[in-house]
Amino acid sequence: MKLIDDLNNDLPLSAHPLGFESDFTPQALIEAVCTKRGQVSVAGPEVCVREFDSDITDYLVQSKAVFPWRNWVCFHTQMFALVLNGKPCEIVPRALGAPSHIGG
């Protein structure tokens, strides 16, 4: 359809070569928000679990197995820290499309 093709050709995102790395990396976005808020960017654990429906996180919060990650700078989600098999991890509930790796 010509109208859709014309619109897609005018969008900057459409012109981004698919083989190139994104400028919008999780760490770059976190650092930008921290700068805007006057916070220090703190790297979290290497593993971040995104949990879409939050059933697991709600249970972990209720049982006090996790605690809020205070340096999480997202406006729309929360992040919790936990230890799995002796390794520090983060979990982000209710997060469709959240990064699967943040930190380090």
Protein backbone atom coordinates (compact mmCIF):
# COMPACT_ATOMS: atom_id res chain seq x y z
CA MET A 1 0.00 0.00 0.00
CA LYS A 2 1.59 3.25 -1.15
CA LEU A 3 0.51 5.40 1.83
CA ILE A 4 2.05 2.93 4.33
CA ASP A 5 5.25 2.69 2.27
CA ASP A 6 5.54 6.49 2.11
CA LEU A 7 4.96 6.79 5.87
CA ASN A 8 7.53 4.09 6.66
CA ASN A 9 10.13 5.82 4.48
CA ASP A 10 9.66 9.07 6.45
CA LEU A 11 10.12 7.54 9.91
CA PRO A 12 13.68 7.73 11.33
CA LEU A 13 13.24 4.31 12.96
CA SER A 14 12.55 2.77 9.56
CA ALA A 15 15.87 4.13 8.27
CA HIS A 16 17.90 2.47 11.04
CA PRO A 17 19.91 -0.41 9.58
CA LEU A 18 18.79 -3.60 11.31
CA GLY A 19 22.35 -4.96 11.59
CA PHE A 20 23.52 -1.97 13.67
CA GLU A 21 23.44 -1.83 17.48
CA SER A 22 20.65 0.19 19.03
CA ASP A 23 21.45 3.58 20.56
CA PHE A 24 18.83 2.82 23.19
CA THR A 25 20.67 0.32 25.35
CA PRO A 26 19.33 -0.38 28.85
CA GLN A 27 22.43 1.11 30.48
CA ALA A 28 22.29 4.28 28.33
CA LEU A 29 18.63 4.80 29.19
CA ILE A 30 19.27 4.25 32.91
CA GLU A 31 22.16 6.71 32.90
CA ALA A 32 20.06 9.34 31.09
CA VAL A 33 17.26 9.09 33.67
CA CYS A 34 19.74 9.15 36.56
CA THR A 35 21.33 12.30 35.16
CA LYS A 36 17.94 13.96 34.77
CA ARG A 37 16.94 13.02 38.35
CA GLY A 38 20.35 13.86 39.86
CA GLN A 39 20.90 10.22 40.89
CA VAL A 40 24.00 8.10 40.59
CA SER A 41 23.77 5.20 38.15
CA VAL A 42 24.43 1.96 40.00
CA ALA A 43 24.91 -1.25 38.06
CA GLY A 44 22.70 -4.06 39.25
CA PRO A 45 23.24 -7.80 39.09
CA GLU A 46 23.86 -9.28 35.65
CA VAL A 47 20.60 -11.25 35.65
CA CYS A 48 17.24 -9.53 35.48
CA VAL A 49 14.07 -11.60 35.24
CA ARG A 50 11.08 -9.94 33.64
CA GLU A 51 7.89 -11.41 34.96
CA PHE A 52 4.89 -10.52 32.87
CA ASP A 53 1.99 -11.25 35.21
CA SER A 54 3.71 -10.71 38.61
CA ASP A 55 2.37 -13.81 40.38
CA ILE A 56 5.88 -14.89 41.39
CA THR A 57 6.95 -11.40 42.45
CA ASP A 58 3.78 -10.85 44.48
CA TYR A 59 4.48 -14.11 46.33
CA LEU A 60 8.13 -13.16 46.90
CA VAL A 61 7.16 -9.71 48.20
CA GLN A 62 4.53 -11.20 50.52
CA SER A 63 7.03 -13.72 51.88
CA LYS A 64 9.73 -11.01 52.24
CA ALA A 65 12.13 -12.93 49.99
CA VAL A 66 12.84 -9.82 47.87
CA PHE A 67 13.44 -6.16 48.56
CA PRO A 68 12.95 -3.11 46.31
CA TRP A 69 15.94 -2.14 44.21
CA ARG A 70 16.24 1.52 45.20
CA ASN A 71 18.30 2.55 42.18
CA TRP A 72 15.71 1.42 39.63
CA VAL A 73 14.88 4.50 37.60
CA CYS A 74 11.92 3.32 35.54
CA PHE A 75 8.78 5.43 35.79
CA HIS A 76 6.37 2.55 35.10
CA THR A 77 7.70 -0.53 36.84
CA GLN A 78 9.33 -1.62 40.06
CA MET A 79 12.42 -3.76 40.44
CA PHE A 80 13.14 -6.14 43.27
CA ALA A 81 16.41 -7.79 44.27
CA LEU A 82 16.72 -11.43 45.27
CA VAL A 83 19.30 -14.20 45.48
CA LEU A 84 18.86 -17.36 43.40
CA ASN A 85 21.26 -20.24 43.95
CA GLY A 86 23.67 -17.87 45.67
CA LYS A 87 23.66 -15.34 42.81
CA PRO A 88 22.17 -11.83 43.06
CA CYS A 89 19.32 -11.23 40.60
CA GLU A 90 16.66 -8.67 39.91
CA ILE A 91 13.03 -9.23 39.02
CA VAL A 92 10.75 -6.73 37.30
CA PRO A 93 7.05 -7.57 37.57
CA ARG A 94 4.36 -6.46 35.12
CA ALA A 95 6.99 -5.66 32.49
CA LEU A 96 6.20 -6.48 28.89
CA GLY A 97 9.23 -5.83 26.73
CA ALA A 98 11.57 -5.07 29.62
CA PRO A 99 15.26 -5.61 29.13
CA SER A 100 16.37 -9.13 29.92
CA HIS A 101 19.88 -8.06 30.94
CA ILE A 102 20.73 -4.99 32.98
CA GLY A 103 23.84 -4.29 34.92
CA GLY A 104 27.56 -4.85 34.76
